[in-house]
Amino acid sequence: MKKIQQLFKEWQSLQPLNEKMERNINQQFMIDFNYNSNHLEGNTLTYGQTKLLLLFGDTIGNANMQDYEEMKAHNVGLEMMKIEAKDSNRMLSEHFIRQLNKTILVRDFYKTSRDGDYRYKINVGVYKTRPNSVITPTGEIFDYASPEETPALMGDLVEWYRNEEQRGKLKIEELAALFHYRYIRIHPFEDGNGRIARLLVNYILLRHNYPMLVIRSDDRNNYLKVLRQCDLLAGKITSDGAHATLEQIKPLVDYISAVLENKLTALIQLAKGEISELIETKDDERSGQKEVVRKGGQKRWSDVLELIKENPKITRGELSDKLGINPSAIQKHIQKLKTDSRIERIGGDKGGYWKVN
């Protein structure tokens, strides 16, 4: 594939696009980015529902109203990010990142703990007040920055980005990947971190006149695998991850580079009339063929229950990998099964097991 710089120069030479083409590109990106970034986090709206909501403000089907609100709010965050990125007089700030989190999450809400034993409040737009972590596919707990570390690490991250932007030494794909990874290792908020990371990657690209990217939800396993590879290279110590080097995050640089090269190539083909449209979502998702397994979530609840029956010690991470759906979605299905008294958790996440009633 051509180098990104060469493709970018060719893309720039094709500017300005005619008004209709530019409008179509922006509109299609809006639908694809909102749909995919939210689906990576467990949103259940179909592609058709997303398109109808964002273009016409209509809602159809039996999706959760929270998912509709989440999708609309994420689109507001996207527009807010674009305005900020295009203002060359304003530099990235922690205040803006907190406002972005507050915007996409809308309002304070409650979540249930992993073991289902208690509920806790998510305060939007403020840094976390309790530790957060992820359960790996092997059942291990991987910790992010502590609440005490977070303010200083976020200050370091924003200051580093401002300095690197001024220096202009890093390639755009390196700058975006390094910011993404360092931010994720801090995980500064109690919810919305993945969506904020992808919005800020596009903030960096747009600010430097590069096209924005879509990380496709059907590529979720590869995306997470790349992040786990970076975790191994950067190590488990939070401060090391939050100050990771380019060498340590090479898998993510390569991943983002490939996505960016593909996007630039497709845009150039579109501008030259070699292709008629640019849609960054798989055909089967757009045509609704996956709705058989999504409708009402019933099929997924059944799948979760069957896997728990087969292996009462199975972890949420293992359920996520086996079913190919987001851990947040797994938690929703588990909570439903517990509410219906079909399962209960005996013991904690480590050493505990599921009891099927």
Protein backbone atom coordinates (compact mmCIF):
# COMPACT_ATOMS: atom_id res chain seq x y z
CA MET A 1 0.00 0.00 0.00
CA LYS A 2 1.09 3.57 -0.62
CA LYS A 3 2.46 5.49 2.33
CA ILE A 4 -0.01 7.67 4.17
CA GLN A 5 1.86 10.87 3.33
CA GLN A 6 1.68 10.13 -0.40
CA LEU A 7 -2.02 9.33 -0.21
CA PHE A 8 -2.67 12.45 1.85
CA LYS A 9 -0.89 14.63 -0.72
CA GLU A 10 -3.00 13.10 -3.51
CA TRP A 11 -6.18 13.59 -1.47
CA GLN A 12 -5.28 17.24 -0.87
CA SER A 13 -4.69 17.76 -4.59
CA LEU A 14 -8.31 16.73 -5.25
CA GLN A 15 -9.68 19.47 -2.98
CA PRO A 16 -12.04 21.20 -2.94
CA LEU A 17 -14.70 18.57 -3.59
CA ASN A 18 -18.02 19.63 -5.03
CA GLU A 19 -20.57 20.55 -2.37
CA LYS A 20 -22.82 17.53 -2.91
CA MET A 21 -19.98 15.01 -2.66
CA GLU A 22 -18.61 16.60 0.50
CA ARG A 23 -22.06 16.63 2.08
CA ASN A 24 -22.59 12.96 1.22
CA ILE A 25 -19.20 11.97 2.63
CA ASN A 26 -19.87 13.83 5.90
CA GLN A 27 -23.37 12.41 6.25
CA GLN A 28 -22.25 8.84 5.61
CA PHE A 29 -19.38 9.18 8.08
CA MET A 30 -21.81 10.49 10.71
CA ILE A 31 -23.96 7.37 10.41
CA ASP A 32 -21.09 4.86 10.20
CA PHE A 33 -19.00 6.37 13.00
CA ASN A 34 -21.87 6.72 15.46
CA TYR A 35 -23.18 3.24 14.69
CA ASN A 36 -19.84 1.44 14.95
CA SER A 37 -18.34 3.29 17.91
CA ASN A 38 -21.48 2.73 19.97
CA HIS A 39 -21.82 -0.90 18.90
CA LEU A 40 -18.29 -1.51 20.13
CA GLU A 41 -19.67 -0.60 23.57
CA GLY A 42 -22.83 -2.73 23.42
CA ASN A 43 -25.45 -0.39 21.91
CA THR A 44 -28.24 -2.50 20.37
CA LEU A 45 -29.64 -0.14 17.71
CA THR A 46 -29.55 -1.62 14.21
CA TYR A 47 -27.89 0.23 11.37
CA GLY A 48 -31.32 1.08 9.97
CA GLN A 49 -32.53 2.40 13.33
CA THR A 50 -29.36 4.47 13.68
CA LYS A 51 -29.75 5.93 10.20
CA LEU A 52 -33.42 6.79 10.73
CA LEU A 53 -32.68 8.37 14.10
CA LEU A 54 -29.75 10.52 12.97
CA LEU A 55 -31.22 11.62 9.63
CA PHE A 56 -34.88 12.05 10.55
CA GLY A 57 -35.12 11.89 14.34
CA ASP A 58 -37.46 8.88 14.16
CA THR A 59 -37.44 5.78 16.35
CA ILE A 60 -38.73 2.36 15.35
CA GLY A 61 -38.59 -1.14 16.79
CA ASN A 62 -38.29 -2.27 20.37
CA ALA A 63 -34.79 -1.05 21.24
CA ASN A 64 -34.07 0.34 24.70
CA MET A 65 -34.74 4.09 24.89
CA GLN A 66 -31.40 4.51 26.60
CA ASP A 67 -29.73 3.24 23.42
CA TYR A 68 -31.57 5.87 21.37
CA GLU A 69 -30.51 8.62 23.79
CA GLU A 70 -26.95 7.31 23.79
CA MET A 71 -26.78 7.38 19.99
CA LYS A 72 -28.17 10.91 19.74
CA ALA A 73 -25.85 12.18 22.47
CA HIS A 74 -22.84 10.57 20.80
CA ASN A 75 -23.66 12.41 17.59
CA VAL A 76 -23.83 15.69 19.53
CA GLY A 77 -20.38 14.83 20.89
CA LEU A 78 -19.13 14.20 17.36
CA GLU A 79 -20.31 17.65 16.21
CA MET A 80 -18.86 19.25 19.33
CA MET A 81 -15.51 17.57 18.64
CA LYS A 82 -15.48 18.73 15.01
CA ILE A 83 -16.04 22.36 16.02
CA GLU A 84 -13.24 22.15 18.59
CA ALA A 85 -10.81 20.49 16.15
CA LYS A 86 -11.34 23.12 13.47
CA ASP A 87 -10.63 26.01 15.85
CA SER A 88 -6.88 26.48 15.44
CA ASN A 89 -6.82 29.06 18.22
CA ARG A 90 -7.92 26.58 20.86
CA MET A 91 -5.66 23.85 22.19
CA LEU A 92 -6.81 20.52 23.61
CA SER A 93 -7.78 20.81 27.27
CA GLU A 94 -8.91 18.59 30.11
CA HIS A 95 -12.02 20.76 30.37
CA PHE A 96 -12.99 19.88 26.81
CA ILE A 97 -12.43 16.15 27.42
CA ARG A 98 -14.63 16.28 30.52
CA GLN A 99 -17.31 18.18 28.60
CA LEU A 100 -17.17 15.55 25.85
CA ASN A 101 -17.75 12.80 28.41
CA LYS A 102 -20.63 14.74 29.95
CA THR A 103 -22.17 15.27 26.51
CA ILE A 104 -22.13 11.65 25.31
CA LEU A 105 -23.36 10.25 28.65
CA VAL A 106 -26.10 12.92 28.99
CA ARG A 107 -26.78 12.63 32.74
CA ASP A 108 -25.71 10.87 35.92
CA PHE A 109 -26.92 7.27 36.14
CA TYR A 110 -26.47 4.03 38.06
CA LYS A 111 -24.68 0.83 37.07
CA THR A 112 -24.60 -2.61 38.64
CA SER A 113 -21.31 -4.07 39.86
CA ARG A 114 -19.78 -6.99 37.97
CA ASP A 115 -20.95 -9.47 40.60
CA GLY A 116 -24.40 -7.87 40.70
CA ASP A 117 -24.19 -7.27 44.46
CA TYR A 118 -24.63 -3.49 44.45
CA ARG A 119 -25.39 -0.44 42.33
CA TYR A 120 -23.18 2.62 42.08
CA LYS A 121 -23.57 6.08 40.62
CA ILE A 122 -21.82 7.22 37.46
CA ASN A 123 -21.07 10.94 37.66
CA VAL A 124 -20.72 12.20 34.09
CA GLY A 125 -18.04 14.68 33.11
CA VAL A 126 -15.89 14.13 36.20
CA TYR A 127 -12.89 11.88 36.68
CA LYS A 128 -13.51 8.52 38.34
CA THR A 129 -13.85 8.22 42.09
CA ARG A 130 -13.47 4.43 42.27
CA PRO A 131 -10.91 2.08 40.65
CA ASN A 132 -11.78 0.59 37.27
CA SER A 133 -10.41 -2.45 35.49
CA VAL A 134 -11.13 -4.95 32.75
CA ILE A 135 -11.35 -8.73 32.98
CA THR A 136 -9.10 -10.31 30.36
CA PRO A 137 -10.16 -13.36 28.31
CA THR A 138 -8.17 -15.54 30.74
CA GLY A 139 -10.12 -14.19 33.70
CA GLU A 140 -7.32 -11.97 35.01
CA ILE A 141 -8.04 -8.43 36.22
CA PHE A 142 -6.13 -5.66 34.40
CA ASP A 143 -6.18 -2.39 36.34
CA TYR A 144 -6.25 1.13 34.92
CA ALA A 145 -5.02 4.25 36.75
CA SER A 146 -6.31 4.73 40.26
CA PRO A 147 -8.63 7.67 41.04
CA GLU A 148 -5.73 9.28 42.92
CA GLU A 149 -3.37 9.01 39.95
CA THR A 150 -5.85 10.09 37.29
CA PRO A 151 -5.78 13.94 37.55
CA ALA A 152 -1.98 14.13 37.33
CA LEU A 153 -1.79 11.57 34.50
CA MET A 154 -4.47 13.39 32.51
CA GLY A 155 -2.59 16.65 33.03
CA ASP A 156 0.56 14.97 31.73
CA LEU A 157 -1.30 13.55 28.72
CA VAL A 158 -2.79 16.87 27.62
CA GLU A 159 0.49 18.73 28.16
CA TRP A 160 2.38 16.07 26.19
CA TYR A 161 -0.13 16.29 23.32
CA ARG A 162 0.10 20.08 23.16
CA ASN A 163 3.90 19.93 23.04
CA GLU A 164 3.95 17.19 20.39
CA GLU A 165 1.44 19.07 18.27
CA GLN A 166 3.68 22.14 18.39
CA ARG A 167 6.84 20.14 17.63
CA GLY A 168 5.26 18.36 14.68
CA LYS A 169 7.82 15.55 14.74
CA LEU A 170 5.44 12.59 14.96
CA LYS A 171 3.52 11.29 11.97
CA ILE A 172 -0.21 11.80 12.30
CA GLU A 173 -0.88 8.07 12.72
CA GLU A 174 1.76 7.90 15.45
CA LEU A 175 0.35 10.89 17.31
CA ALA A 176 -3.22 9.55 17.14
CA ALA A 177 -2.24 6.01 18.19
CA LEU A 178 -0.04 7.15 21.04
CA PHE A 179 -2.72 9.47 22.41
CA HIS A 180 -5.36 6.72 22.10
CA TYR A 181 -3.29 4.16 23.99
CA ARG A 182 -2.07 6.47 26.76
CA TYR A 183 -5.63 7.70 27.30
CA ILE A 184 -7.04 4.16 27.47
CA ARG A 185 -4.42 3.11 30.02
CA ILE A 186 -5.56 5.98 32.26
CA HIS A 187 -9.28 5.27 31.68
CA PRO A 188 -10.12 8.55 33.43
CA PHE A 189 -13.93 8.20 33.56
CA GLU A 190 -16.19 5.56 35.01
CA ASP A 191 -17.93 5.11 31.66
CA GLY A 192 -17.53 6.23 28.04
CA ASN A 193 -13.74 5.89 27.81
CA GLY A 194 -13.65 3.88 24.58
CA ARG A 195 -16.00 6.28 22.80
CA ILE A 196 -14.01 9.29 24.02
CA ALA A 197 -10.75 7.70 22.84
CA ARG A 198 -12.12 7.19 19.32
CA LEU A 199 -13.58 10.70 19.23
CA LEU A 200 -10.21 12.15 20.23
CA VAL A 201 -8.35 10.11 17.61
CA ASN A 202 -10.61 11.80 15.06
CA TYR A 203 -10.08 15.16 16.76
CA ILE A 204 -6.35 14.77 16.07
CA LEU A 205 -6.88 13.68 12.46
CA LEU A 206 -9.39 16.41 11.64
CA ARG A 207 -7.26 19.09 13.30
CA HIS A 208 -4.49 18.22 10.85
CA ASN A 209 -6.85 18.02 7.84
CA TYR A 210 -6.81 14.22 7.61
CA PRO A 211 -10.05 12.30 7.05
CA MET A 212 -11.71 10.86 10.15
CA LEU A 213 -11.76 7.11 10.78
CA VAL A 214 -14.28 4.43 11.67
CA ILE A 215 -13.16 1.47 13.81
CA ARG A 216 -15.68 -1.11 12.63
CA SER A 217 -17.59 -3.06 15.25
CA ASP A 218 -17.18 -6.28 13.27
CA ASP A 219 -13.40 -5.82 13.70
CA ARG A 220 -13.76 -5.52 17.47
CA ASN A 221 -11.75 -8.67 18.26
CA ASN A 222 -8.77 -7.48 16.21
CA TYR A 223 -9.00 -4.00 17.74
CA LEU A 224 -8.98 -5.38 21.29
CA LYS A 225 -6.27 -7.90 20.44
CA VAL A 226 -4.03 -5.04 19.25
CA LEU A 227 -4.64 -3.13 22.49
CA ARG A 228 -3.80 -6.26 24.52
CA GLN A 229 -0.57 -6.66 22.55
CA CYS A 230 0.34 -3.09 23.48
CA ASP A 231 -0.47 -3.87 27.13
CA LEU A 232 2.05 -6.71 27.07
CA LEU A 233 4.73 -4.47 25.58
CA ALA A 234 4.02 -1.51 27.88
CA GLY A 235 3.61 -3.60 31.05
CA LYS A 236 1.01 -3.62 33.81
CA ILE A 237 2.32 -0.61 35.76
CA THR A 238 -0.18 2.18 35.13
CA SER A 239 2.30 5.04 34.95
CA ASP A 240 4.33 3.12 32.36
CA GLY A 241 1.25 2.54 30.21
CA ALA A 242 0.21 6.18 30.54
CA HIS A 243 3.65 7.21 29.24
CA ALA A 244 4.06 4.37 26.71
CA THR A 245 6.58 4.76 23.91
CA LEU A 246 6.02 4.42 20.17
CA GLU A 247 7.92 1.13 20.17
CA GLN A 248 5.60 -0.28 22.83
CA ILE A 249 2.45 0.59 20.91
CA LYS A 250 3.66 -0.41 17.43
CA PRO A 251 0.71 -2.85 17.00
CA LEU A 252 -1.74 0.04 17.44
CA VAL A 253 0.25 2.35 15.15
CA ASP A 254 0.16 -0.35 12.48
CA TYR A 255 -3.58 -0.91 13.01
CA ILE A 256 -4.51 2.78 12.76
CA SER A 257 -2.13 3.23 9.82
CA ALA A 258 -3.89 0.46 7.90
CA VAL A 259 -7.34 1.94 8.60
CA LEU A 260 -6.15 5.42 7.59
CA GLU A 261 -4.52 4.16 4.38
CA ASN A 262 -7.70 2.33 3.42
CA LYS A 263 -9.80 5.43 4.14
CA LEU A 264 -7.57 7.73 2.08
CA THR A 265 -7.48 5.24 -0.79
CA ALA A 266 -11.27 4.91 -0.84
CA LEU A 267 -11.78 8.69 -0.67
CA ILE A 268 -9.42 9.22 -3.59
CA GLN A 269 -11.30 6.59 -5.60
CA LEU A 270 -14.57 8.28 -4.72
CA ALA A 271 -13.32 11.72 -5.73
CA LYS A 272 -12.08 10.33 -9.05
CA GLY A 273 -15.39 8.61 -9.75
CA GLU A 274 -13.90 5.11 -9.52
CA ILE A 275 -16.42 4.11 -6.84
CA SER A 276 -19.93 5.48 -6.28
CA GLU A 277 -20.12 5.54 -2.46
CA LEU A 278 -18.05 5.08 0.68
CA ILE A 279 -19.79 3.11 3.44
CA GLU A 280 -17.72 1.89 6.39
CA THR A 281 -20.09 -0.73 7.80
CA LYS A 282 -20.42 -4.36 6.72
CA ASP A 283 -23.15 -5.22 4.21
CA ASP A 284 -24.90 -7.73 6.48
CA GLU A 285 -25.20 -5.18 9.29
CA ARG A 286 -26.64 -2.57 6.93
CA SER A 287 -29.09 -5.05 5.41
CA GLY A 288 -30.26 -6.27 8.80
CA GLN A 289 -29.22 -9.91 8.39
CA LYS A 290 -27.85 -9.96 11.94
CA GLU A 291 -31.19 -9.04 13.45
CA VAL A 292 -32.09 -12.72 13.88
CA VAL A 293 -29.59 -12.95 16.71
CA ARG A 294 -30.17 -9.45 18.07
CA LYS A 295 -33.96 -9.20 18.15
CA GLY A 296 -35.02 -8.58 21.71
CA GLY A 297 -31.70 -10.01 22.95
CA GLN A 298 -33.46 -13.33 23.57
CA LYS A 299 -31.06 -15.40 21.47
CA ARG A 300 -28.07 -13.89 23.28
CA TRP A 301 -29.57 -14.49 26.73
CA SER A 302 -30.05 -18.11 25.74
CA ASP A 303 -26.47 -18.37 24.46
CA VAL A 304 -25.09 -16.87 27.68
CA LEU A 305 -27.19 -19.26 29.77
CA GLU A 306 -26.06 -22.32 27.77
CA LEU A 307 -22.39 -21.41 28.15
CA ILE A 308 -22.83 -20.90 31.89
CA LYS A 309 -24.52 -24.30 32.16
CA GLU A 310 -21.58 -25.89 30.34
CA ASN A 311 -18.97 -24.12 32.48
CA PRO A 312 -20.18 -22.54 35.77
CA LYS A 313 -16.73 -20.98 36.27
CA ILE A 314 -16.73 -19.18 32.92
CA THR A 315 -15.70 -15.51 33.14
CA ARG A 316 -17.41 -12.54 31.56
CA GLY A 317 -14.35 -12.08 29.36
CA GLU A 318 -14.63 -15.65 28.12
CA LEU A 319 -18.35 -15.19 27.44
CA SER A 320 -17.53 -12.05 25.47
CA ASP A 321 -14.90 -13.81 23.36
CA LYS A 322 -17.00 -16.92 22.69
CA LEU A 323 -20.08 -14.93 21.64
CA GLY A 324 -18.20 -12.13 19.92
CA ILE A 325 -20.10 -9.36 21.72
CA ASN A 326 -18.99 -6.50 23.96
CA PRO A 327 -18.45 -7.07 27.73
CA SER A 328 -21.02 -4.32 28.40
CA ALA A 329 -23.60 -6.30 26.42
CA ILE A 330 -22.61 -9.48 28.29
CA GLN A 331 -23.24 -7.65 31.57
CA LYS A 332 -26.71 -6.60 30.37
CA HIS A 333 -27.61 -10.20 29.50
CA ILE A 334 -26.25 -11.49 32.82
CA GLN A 335 -28.23 -8.87 34.71
CA LYS A 336 -31.39 -9.89 32.86
CA LEU A 337 -30.81 -13.55 33.70
CA LYS A 338 -30.24 -12.64 37.35
CA THR A 339 -33.34 -10.43 37.47
CA ASP A 340 -35.36 -13.36 36.08
CA SER A 341 -33.81 -15.58 38.80
CA ARG A 342 -32.31 -17.90 36.20
CA ILE A 343 -28.77 -17.57 37.56
CA GLU A 344 -26.99 -16.29 40.64
CA ARG A 345 -23.35 -15.63 41.45
CA ILE A 346 -21.73 -17.64 44.24
CA GLY A 347 -18.55 -15.99 45.47
CA GLY A 348 -16.68 -13.12 43.83
CA ASP A 349 -15.20 -12.74 40.36
CA LYS A 350 -12.11 -14.65 41.39
CA GLY A 351 -12.76 -18.19 42.58
CA GLY A 352 -16.54 -17.86 42.32
CA TYR A 353 -18.98 -19.64 40.02
CA TRP A 354 -22.43 -19.35 38.48
CA LYS A 355 -25.37 -21.29 39.87
CA VAL A 356 -28.17 -22.04 37.39
CA ASN A 357 -31.62 -22.16 38.96
